[in-house]
Amino acid sequence: MKFKVSDIIKADGSFKDIKTELKNIDIQSKEIEIIDGGFFKGIIKNIKGSLSLRGSLCLSYKTNCYRCLKKTERSLKIVIDELFSIVKDKDEIYYHITDNYIDIDKALTDNIILNLPMKDYCREDCKGLCSKCGAIVNETVCECGNEEYINPQFEILNKYKDT
């Protein structure tokens, strides 16, 4: 999403309110699927020649539960605070203004990735999959006797259990 900033880049303190739907955001991940309807609402403000992008981003996404692999929906609300500059800094601490336009897609994508949880669960007490038959333990009582199953590689540890 590109925004023309030629009118606010000339005067310190000038600003522009923006509100946009998240249409072209691509996370480059097969683990999440963004659901339509996400939006960003904020302000672009000139602060001594650099442009500050501040606002809030809200979106919903689908992902697989980390334990049982069942599809689950989650939502994110993120506070965005980023800087754009004409000067290309060696440290790359700013996003860039190109031809009097700023493209906020990269800034929003970076913030989404940084705020995604490491592991999503369908529910807090998800029991996951049965390690023997693969059944979803939350939904079915498996008949395979998973409780008594001992991996043969760890069977030798039983002799230390009583001591």
N, C-alpha and C. Protein backbone atom coordinates (compact mmCIF):
# COMPACT_ATOMS: atom_id res chain seq x y z
N MET A 1 0.84 -1.15 0.00
CA MET A 1 0.00 0.00 0.00
C MET A 1 0.90 1.23 0.00
N LYS A 2 0.83 1.95 -1.08
CA LYS A 2 1.66 3.14 -1.22
C LYS A 2 0.83 4.38 -0.89
N PHE A 3 1.49 5.33 -0.24
CA PHE A 3 0.86 6.59 0.08
C PHE A 3 1.76 7.73 -0.39
N LYS A 4 1.15 8.70 -1.04
CA LYS A 4 1.89 9.87 -1.50
C LYS A 4 2.15 10.78 -0.31
N VAL A 5 3.41 11.17 -0.13
CA VAL A 5 3.78 11.96 1.04
C VAL A 5 4.43 13.28 0.65
N SER A 6 4.34 13.68 -0.60
CA SER A 6 4.99 14.92 -1.04
C SER A 6 4.44 16.15 -0.33
N ASP A 7 3.18 16.11 0.08
CA ASP A 7 2.57 17.25 0.76
C ASP A 7 3.01 17.35 2.23
N ILE A 8 3.38 16.25 2.86
CA ILE A 8 3.78 16.34 4.28
C ILE A 8 5.29 16.29 4.47
N ILE A 9 6.03 15.94 3.45
CA ILE A 9 7.48 15.83 3.59
C ILE A 9 8.16 17.20 3.61
N LYS A 10 7.44 18.22 3.17
CA LYS A 10 8.02 19.57 3.06
C LYS A 10 7.98 20.34 4.38
N ALA A 11 7.01 20.08 5.23
CA ALA A 11 6.83 20.90 6.44
C ALA A 11 6.88 20.02 7.69
N ASP A 12 7.77 20.40 8.60
CA ASP A 12 7.89 19.68 9.87
C ASP A 12 6.58 19.79 10.65
N GLY A 13 6.09 18.68 11.16
CA GLY A 13 4.86 18.66 11.95
C GLY A 13 3.62 18.35 11.15
N SER A 14 3.70 18.38 9.83
CA SER A 14 2.50 18.07 9.03
C SER A 14 2.23 16.57 9.10
N PHE A 15 0.97 16.20 8.87
CA PHE A 15 0.60 14.80 9.04
C PHE A 15 -0.52 14.42 8.08
N LYS A 16 -0.76 13.11 8.00
CA LYS A 16 -1.82 12.57 7.16
C LYS A 16 -2.41 11.36 7.88
N ASP A 17 -3.74 11.37 8.06
CA ASP A 17 -4.42 10.20 8.64
C ASP A 17 -4.62 9.17 7.54
N ILE A 18 -4.41 7.90 7.89
CA ILE A 18 -4.64 6.84 6.91
C ILE A 18 -5.42 5.70 7.54
N LYS A 19 -6.22 5.07 6.72
CA LYS A 19 -6.94 3.86 7.11
C LYS A 19 -7.01 2.99 5.85
N THR A 20 -6.57 1.76 5.97
CA THR A 20 -6.54 0.90 4.81
C THR A 20 -6.80 -0.55 5.20
N GLU A 21 -7.39 -1.29 4.28
CA GLU A 21 -7.58 -2.72 4.48
C GLU A 21 -6.29 -3.44 4.09
N LEU A 22 -6.06 -4.58 4.72
CA LEU A 22 -4.87 -5.37 4.43
C LEU A 22 -5.19 -6.33 3.29
N LYS A 23 -4.86 -5.91 2.08
CA LYS A 23 -5.18 -6.74 0.92
C LYS A 23 -3.95 -7.44 0.36
N ASN A 24 -2.84 -6.74 0.29
CA ASN A 24 -1.66 -7.28 -0.38
C ASN A 24 -0.59 -7.78 0.58
N ILE A 25 -0.94 -7.99 1.82
CA ILE A 25 0.04 -8.47 2.79
C ILE A 25 0.31 -9.95 2.53
N ASP A 26 1.57 -10.28 2.31
CA ASP A 26 1.96 -11.66 2.07
C ASP A 26 3.02 -12.03 3.10
N ILE A 27 2.71 -12.98 3.95
CA ILE A 27 3.59 -13.33 5.06
C ILE A 27 4.68 -14.31 4.62
N GLN A 28 4.58 -14.90 3.45
CA GLN A 28 5.56 -15.87 2.98
C GLN A 28 5.67 -17.06 3.93
N SER A 29 4.55 -17.50 4.43
CA SER A 29 4.55 -18.62 5.35
C SER A 29 3.36 -19.52 5.03
N LYS A 30 3.60 -20.80 5.03
CA LYS A 30 2.51 -21.73 4.80
C LYS A 30 1.80 -22.07 6.10
N GLU A 31 2.33 -21.56 7.21
CA GLU A 31 1.77 -21.89 8.51
C GLU A 31 0.55 -21.05 8.86
N ILE A 32 0.41 -19.86 8.28
CA ILE A 32 -0.75 -19.03 8.57
C ILE A 32 -1.42 -18.57 7.29
N GLU A 33 -2.71 -18.34 7.39
CA GLU A 33 -3.50 -17.83 6.27
C GLU A 33 -4.30 -16.64 6.80
N ILE A 34 -4.02 -15.46 6.26
CA ILE A 34 -4.72 -14.26 6.73
C ILE A 34 -6.14 -14.26 6.20
N ILE A 35 -7.07 -14.02 7.09
CA ILE A 35 -8.49 -13.97 6.75
C ILE A 35 -8.82 -12.54 6.33
N ASP A 36 -9.67 -12.39 5.32
CA ASP A 36 -10.05 -11.06 4.85
C ASP A 36 -10.63 -10.23 5.98
N GLY A 37 -10.44 -8.94 5.87
CA GLY A 37 -11.03 -8.04 6.85
C GLY A 37 -10.05 -7.37 7.78
N GLY A 38 -8.77 -7.66 7.64
CA GLY A 38 -7.80 -6.98 8.48
C GLY A 38 -7.64 -5.53 8.04
N PHE A 39 -7.24 -4.66 8.97
CA PHE A 39 -7.08 -3.26 8.60
C PHE A 39 -5.98 -2.60 9.42
N PHE A 40 -5.48 -1.48 8.89
CA PHE A 40 -4.51 -0.64 9.59
C PHE A 40 -5.09 0.77 9.64
N LYS A 41 -5.02 1.38 10.81
CA LYS A 41 -5.48 2.75 10.99
C LYS A 41 -4.38 3.49 11.73
N GLY A 42 -3.96 4.62 11.15
CA GLY A 42 -2.88 5.35 11.80
C GLY A 42 -2.64 6.72 11.22
N ILE A 43 -1.42 7.20 11.45
CA ILE A 43 -1.05 8.55 11.04
C ILE A 43 0.39 8.53 10.53
N ILE A 44 0.64 9.29 9.47
CA ILE A 44 1.99 9.52 8.99
C ILE A 44 2.30 10.97 9.34
N LYS A 45 3.41 11.18 10.08
CA LYS A 45 3.73 12.52 10.55
C LYS A 45 5.19 12.85 10.24
N ASN A 46 5.43 14.08 9.80
CA ASN A 46 6.78 14.55 9.52
C ASN A 46 7.42 14.98 10.84
N ILE A 47 8.53 14.33 11.18
CA ILE A 47 9.27 14.68 12.39
C ILE A 47 10.71 14.98 11.96
N LYS A 48 10.98 16.27 11.77
CA LYS A 48 12.32 16.75 11.39
C LYS A 48 12.87 16.05 10.14
N GLY A 49 12.04 15.93 9.13
CA GLY A 49 12.48 15.36 7.85
C GLY A 49 12.26 13.87 7.69
N SER A 50 12.09 13.16 8.78
CA SER A 50 11.75 11.74 8.71
C SER A 50 10.24 11.60 8.90
N LEU A 51 9.69 10.55 8.37
CA LEU A 51 8.26 10.32 8.52
C LEU A 51 8.02 9.20 9.53
N SER A 52 7.15 9.47 10.45
CA SER A 52 6.78 8.50 11.48
C SER A 52 5.44 7.87 11.11
N LEU A 53 5.39 6.56 11.11
CA LEU A 53 4.15 5.82 10.87
C LEU A 53 3.74 5.23 12.20
N ARG A 54 2.60 5.68 12.72
CA ARG A 54 2.09 5.17 13.99
C ARG A 54 0.63 4.81 13.83
N GLY A 55 0.25 3.73 14.47
CA GLY A 55 -1.15 3.33 14.38
C GLY A 55 -1.35 1.93 14.92
N SER A 56 -2.51 1.37 14.62
CA SER A 56 -2.83 0.02 15.09
C SER A 56 -3.25 -0.84 13.91
N LEU A 57 -2.83 -2.08 13.99
CA LEU A 57 -3.12 -3.07 12.96
C LEU A 57 -3.93 -4.18 13.60
N CYS A 58 -5.03 -4.56 12.98
CA CYS A 58 -5.86 -5.65 13.47
C CYS A 58 -6.05 -6.64 12.34
N LEU A 59 -5.87 -7.93 12.63
CA LEU A 59 -6.11 -8.95 11.62
C LEU A 59 -6.45 -10.26 12.27
N SER A 60 -7.11 -11.12 11.50
CA SER A 60 -7.43 -12.48 11.93
C SER A 60 -6.72 -13.43 10.98
N TYR A 61 -6.33 -14.58 11.51
CA TYR A 61 -5.64 -15.55 10.68
C TYR A 61 -6.00 -16.97 11.11
N LYS A 62 -5.81 -17.90 10.18
CA LYS A 62 -6.01 -19.32 10.46
C LYS A 62 -4.65 -19.99 10.50
N THR A 63 -4.52 -20.93 11.40
CA THR A 63 -3.29 -21.69 11.52
C THR A 63 -3.63 -23.06 12.10
N ASN A 64 -2.65 -23.94 12.12
CA ASN A 64 -2.84 -25.26 12.71
C ASN A 64 -2.41 -25.24 14.16
N CYS A 65 -3.16 -25.95 14.99
CA CYS A 65 -2.80 -26.10 16.40
C CYS A 65 -1.45 -26.81 16.47
N TYR A 66 -0.60 -26.34 17.33
CA TYR A 66 0.74 -26.91 17.48
C TYR A 66 0.70 -28.36 17.98
N ARG A 67 -0.32 -28.69 18.77
CA ARG A 67 -0.38 -30.03 19.37
C ARG A 67 -1.21 -31.03 18.57
N CYS A 68 -2.39 -30.61 18.08
CA CYS A 68 -3.27 -31.58 17.42
C CYS A 68 -3.44 -31.34 15.93
N LEU A 69 -2.86 -30.27 15.40
CA LEU A 69 -2.88 -29.93 13.97
C LEU A 69 -4.26 -29.54 13.44
N LYS A 70 -5.21 -29.30 14.33
CA LYS A 70 -6.54 -28.88 13.93
C LYS A 70 -6.51 -27.40 13.55
N LYS A 71 -7.26 -27.00 12.49
CA LYS A 71 -7.32 -25.59 12.08
C LYS A 71 -7.94 -24.77 13.20
N THR A 72 -7.34 -23.63 13.46
CA THR A 72 -7.84 -22.73 14.50
C THR A 72 -7.71 -21.29 14.03
N GLU A 73 -8.60 -20.43 14.50
CA GLU A 73 -8.57 -19.00 14.14
C GLU A 73 -8.04 -18.20 15.32
N ARG A 74 -7.20 -17.24 15.00
CA ARG A 74 -6.62 -16.34 15.99
C ARG A 74 -6.69 -14.93 15.46
N SER A 75 -6.51 -13.96 16.34
CA SER A 75 -6.47 -12.57 15.91
C SER A 75 -5.28 -11.87 16.55
N LEU A 76 -4.83 -10.81 15.89
CA LEU A 76 -3.71 -10.01 16.37
C LEU A 76 -4.12 -8.55 16.40
N LYS A 77 -3.70 -7.85 17.42
CA LYS A 77 -3.81 -6.40 17.48
C LYS A 77 -2.42 -5.88 17.81
N ILE A 78 -1.86 -5.10 16.90
CA ILE A 78 -0.48 -4.67 17.02
C ILE A 78 -0.39 -3.15 16.97
N VAL A 79 0.41 -2.57 17.83
CA VAL A 79 0.71 -1.15 17.78
C VAL A 79 1.93 -0.98 16.88
N ILE A 80 1.79 -0.17 15.84
CA ILE A 80 2.87 0.05 14.87
C ILE A 80 3.52 1.40 15.16
N ASP A 81 4.85 1.42 15.17
CA ASP A 81 5.62 2.65 15.35
C ASP A 81 6.91 2.50 14.55
N GLU A 82 6.93 3.02 13.33
CA GLU A 82 8.07 2.86 12.42
C GLU A 82 8.47 4.20 11.84
N LEU A 83 9.72 4.28 11.36
CA LEU A 83 10.25 5.50 10.75
C LEU A 83 10.61 5.26 9.29
N PHE A 84 10.35 6.28 8.47
CA PHE A 84 10.71 6.27 7.05
C PHE A 84 11.63 7.45 6.81
N SER A 85 12.64 7.27 5.94
CA SER A 85 13.59 8.34 5.67
C SER A 85 14.00 8.32 4.21
N ILE A 86 14.33 9.51 3.68
CA ILE A 86 14.86 9.62 2.32
C ILE A 86 16.31 9.14 2.29
N VAL A 87 17.05 9.45 3.34
CA VAL A 87 18.46 9.10 3.44
C VAL A 87 18.57 7.59 3.67
N LYS A 88 19.37 6.94 2.84
CA LYS A 88 19.57 5.50 3.02
C LYS A 88 20.70 5.30 4.02
N ASP A 89 20.33 4.84 5.18
CA ASP A 89 21.27 4.65 6.29
C ASP A 89 21.97 3.30 6.15
N LYS A 90 23.23 3.25 6.48
CA LYS A 90 23.97 2.00 6.41
C LYS A 90 23.42 0.97 7.39
N ASP A 91 22.92 1.43 8.51
CA ASP A 91 22.40 0.52 9.53
C ASP A 91 21.00 0.00 9.20
N GLU A 92 20.36 0.60 8.21
CA GLU A 92 19.02 0.18 7.79
C GLU A 92 18.02 0.20 8.94
N ILE A 93 18.04 1.27 9.74
CA ILE A 93 17.07 1.37 10.84
C ILE A 93 15.78 2.03 10.39
N TYR A 94 15.78 2.57 9.17
CA TYR A 94 14.59 3.22 8.63
C TYR A 94 14.08 2.45 7.42
N TYR A 95 12.79 2.58 7.18
CA TYR A 95 12.23 2.17 5.90
C TYR A 95 12.42 3.38 4.97
N HIS A 96 12.32 3.19 3.68
CA HIS A 96 12.70 4.24 2.74
C HIS A 96 11.51 4.93 2.08
N ILE A 97 11.72 6.22 1.81
CA ILE A 97 10.78 7.03 1.03
C ILE A 97 11.32 7.04 -0.39
N THR A 98 10.52 6.63 -1.35
CA THR A 98 10.95 6.56 -2.73
C THR A 98 10.01 7.37 -3.61
N ASP A 99 10.57 8.37 -4.31
CA ASP A 99 9.79 9.20 -5.24
C ASP A 99 8.54 9.79 -4.60
N ASN A 100 8.69 10.32 -3.39
CA ASN A 100 7.60 10.95 -2.63
C ASN A 100 6.47 9.99 -2.26
N TYR A 101 6.77 8.71 -2.21
CA TYR A 101 5.81 7.69 -1.78
C TYR A 101 6.45 6.83 -0.71
N ILE A 102 5.62 6.37 0.22
CA ILE A 102 6.08 5.34 1.14
C ILE A 102 5.19 4.11 0.93
N ASP A 103 5.82 2.97 0.98
CA ASP A 103 5.12 1.70 0.87
C ASP A 103 5.13 1.06 2.25
N ILE A 104 3.97 0.97 2.88
CA ILE A 104 3.92 0.49 4.26
C ILE A 104 3.81 -1.03 4.37
N ASP A 105 3.71 -1.74 3.25
CA ASP A 105 3.57 -3.20 3.29
C ASP A 105 4.70 -3.88 4.05
N LYS A 106 5.94 -3.51 3.77
CA LYS A 106 7.10 -4.15 4.42
C LYS A 106 7.07 -3.88 5.93
N ALA A 107 6.76 -2.66 6.33
CA ALA A 107 6.71 -2.34 7.76
C ALA A 107 5.61 -3.14 8.47
N LEU A 108 4.45 -3.26 7.84
CA LEU A 108 3.35 -4.01 8.45
C LEU A 108 3.67 -5.50 8.50
N THR A 109 4.22 -6.03 7.41
CA THR A 109 4.59 -7.44 7.37
C THR A 109 5.62 -7.78 8.43
N ASP A 110 6.64 -6.95 8.56
CA ASP A 110 7.66 -7.17 9.59
C ASP A 110 7.05 -7.20 10.98
N ASN A 111 6.14 -6.29 11.26
CA ASN A 111 5.50 -6.24 12.58
C ASN A 111 4.60 -7.45 12.82
N ILE A 112 3.91 -7.91 11.79
CA ILE A 112 3.06 -9.10 11.94
C ILE A 112 3.93 -10.30 12.28
N ILE A 113 5.01 -10.50 11.53
CA ILE A 113 5.88 -11.64 11.77
C ILE A 113 6.47 -11.60 13.18
N LEU A 114 6.89 -10.43 13.62
CA LEU A 114 7.48 -10.31 14.96
C LEU A 114 6.47 -10.53 16.08
N ASN A 115 5.18 -10.33 15.80
CA ASN A 115 4.16 -10.46 16.84
C ASN A 115 3.38 -11.76 16.79
N LEU A 116 3.66 -12.62 15.81
CA LEU A 116 2.99 -13.92 15.78
C LEU A 116 3.52 -14.78 16.93
N PRO A 117 2.64 -15.52 17.58
CA PRO A 117 3.12 -16.39 18.66
C PRO A 117 3.97 -17.53 18.11
N MET A 118 4.89 -18.04 18.91
CA MET A 118 5.73 -19.16 18.49
C MET A 118 4.88 -20.40 18.24
N LYS A 119 3.87 -20.61 19.10
CA LYS A 119 3.02 -21.78 19.00
C LYS A 119 1.57 -21.36 19.22
N ASP A 120 0.69 -21.77 18.33
CA ASP A 120 -0.74 -21.51 18.49
C ASP A 120 -1.41 -22.82 18.90
N TYR A 121 -2.38 -22.71 19.80
CA TYR A 121 -3.13 -23.88 20.25
C TYR A 121 -4.61 -23.66 19.99
N CYS A 122 -5.33 -24.77 19.70
CA CYS A 122 -6.77 -24.66 19.49
C CYS A 122 -7.47 -24.29 20.80
N ARG A 123 -6.90 -24.73 21.91
CA ARG A 123 -7.36 -24.35 23.24
C ARG A 123 -6.21 -24.57 24.21
N GLU A 124 -6.26 -23.93 25.35
CA GLU A 124 -5.15 -23.96 26.30
C GLU A 124 -4.81 -25.37 26.77
N ASP A 125 -5.83 -26.19 26.98
CA ASP A 125 -5.59 -27.54 27.52
C ASP A 125 -5.59 -28.62 26.44
N CYS A 126 -5.18 -28.27 25.23
CA CYS A 126 -5.15 -29.23 24.13
C CYS A 126 -4.21 -30.38 24.48
N LYS A 127 -4.72 -31.60 24.30
CA LYS A 127 -3.93 -32.79 24.65
C LYS A 127 -3.15 -33.33 23.47
N GLY A 128 -3.39 -32.80 22.28
CA GLY A 128 -2.62 -33.20 21.11
C GLY A 128 -3.07 -34.50 20.48
N LEU A 129 -2.12 -35.18 19.85
CA LEU A 129 -2.38 -36.43 19.15
C LEU A 129 -1.87 -37.61 19.97
N CYS A 130 -2.54 -38.74 19.84
CA CYS A 130 -2.06 -39.97 20.45
C CYS A 130 -0.78 -40.38 19.73
N SER A 131 0.27 -40.64 20.47
CA SER A 131 1.56 -40.96 19.85
C SER A 131 1.57 -42.36 19.22
N LYS A 132 0.58 -43.16 19.56
CA LYS A 132 0.54 -44.52 19.02
C LYS A 132 -0.37 -44.62 17.80
N CYS A 133 -1.61 -44.10 17.89
CA CYS A 133 -2.55 -44.26 16.77
C CYS A 133 -2.81 -42.97 16.00
N GLY A 134 -2.40 -41.81 16.54
CA GLY A 134 -2.58 -40.55 15.83
C GLY A 134 -3.93 -39.89 16.01
N ALA A 135 -4.79 -40.44 16.87
CA ALA A 135 -6.11 -39.86 17.10
C ALA A 135 -5.98 -38.54 17.86
N ILE A 136 -6.93 -37.63 17.62
CA ILE A 136 -6.96 -36.38 18.37
C ILE A 136 -7.53 -36.68 19.75
N VAL A 137 -6.70 -36.57 20.76
CA VAL A 137 -7.07 -36.99 22.12
C VAL A 137 -8.17 -36.10 22.70
N ASN A 138 -8.29 -34.84 22.25
CA ASN A 138 -9.35 -33.95 22.74
C ASN A 138 -10.73 -34.45 22.34
N GLU A 139 -10.84 -35.11 21.19
CA GLU A 139 -12.13 -35.45 20.62
C GLU A 139 -12.52 -36.92 20.80
N THR A 140 -11.55 -37.79 20.94
CA THR A 140 -11.86 -39.22 21.04
C THR A 140 -11.09 -39.85 22.19
N VAL A 141 -11.65 -40.94 22.68
CA VAL A 141 -10.93 -41.75 23.66
C VAL A 141 -10.33 -42.88 22.85
N CYS A 142 -9.02 -42.90 22.78
CA CYS A 142 -8.43 -43.92 21.91
C CYS A 142 -8.37 -45.26 22.64
N GLU A 143 -8.53 -46.30 21.87
CA GLU A 143 -8.60 -47.66 22.39
C GLU A 143 -7.25 -48.38 22.31
N CYS A 144 -6.23 -47.67 21.95
CA CYS A 144 -4.94 -48.33 21.69
C CYS A 144 -4.12 -48.55 22.95
N GLY A 145 -4.55 -48.05 24.07
CA GLY A 145 -3.80 -48.24 25.31
C GLY A 145 -2.55 -47.38 25.36
N ASN A 146 -2.68 -46.18 24.89
CA ASN A 146 -1.53 -45.26 24.83
C ASN A 146 -0.93 -45.00 26.20
N GLU A 147 -1.76 -45.06 27.24
CA GLU A 147 -1.29 -44.77 28.58
C GLU A 147 -0.21 -45.77 29.01
N GLU A 148 -0.34 -47.02 28.57
CA GLU A 148 0.58 -48.06 29.00
C GLU A 148 1.75 -48.22 28.04
N TYR A 149 1.74 -47.56 26.93
CA TYR A 149 2.78 -47.73 25.92
C TYR A 149 4.10 -47.14 26.40
N ILE A 150 5.16 -47.92 26.32
CA ILE A 150 6.49 -47.46 26.67
C ILE A 150 7.38 -47.64 25.44
N ASN A 151 8.01 -46.59 25.04
CA ASN A 151 8.92 -46.66 23.91
C ASN A 151 10.05 -47.61 24.28
N PRO A 152 10.33 -48.60 23.44
CA PRO A 152 11.37 -49.58 23.76
C PRO A 152 12.74 -48.96 24.01
N GLN A 153 13.00 -47.83 23.43
CA GLN A 153 14.29 -47.18 23.63
C GLN A 153 14.46 -46.68 25.07
N PHE A 154 13.36 -46.42 25.75
CA PHE A 154 13.42 -45.90 27.12
C PHE A 154 13.02 -46.94 28.16
N GLU A 155 12.79 -48.15 27.75
CA GLU A 155 12.34 -49.20 28.65
C GLU A 155 13.36 -49.48 29.75
N ILE A 156 14.62 -49.33 29.46
CA ILE A 156 15.68 -49.60 30.44
C ILE A 156 15.59 -48.64 31.64
N LEU A 157 14.98 -47.48 31.44
CA LEU A 157 14.86 -46.51 32.53
C LEU A 157 13.89 -46.97 33.62
N ASN A 158 13.03 -47.95 33.32
CA ASN A 158 12.07 -48.45 34.32
C ASN A 158 12.77 -49.04 35.54
N LYS A 159 13.95 -49.61 35.35
CA LYS A 159 14.64 -50.21 36.51
C LYS A 159 15.12 -49.15 37.50
N TYR A 160 15.23 -47.91 37.07
CA TYR A 160 15.64 -46.82 37.95
C TYR A 160 14.45 -46.13 38.62
N LYS A 161 13.27 -46.47 38.18
CA LYS A 161 12.04 -45.82 38.65
C LYS A 161 11.79 -46.10 40.14
N ASP A 162 12.04 -47.30 40.59
CA ASP A 162 11.74 -47.68 41.96
C ASP A 162 12.83 -47.28 42.95
N THR A 163 14.01 -46.97 42.46
CA THR A 163 15.11 -46.65 43.38
C THR A 163 15.21 -45.20 43.70
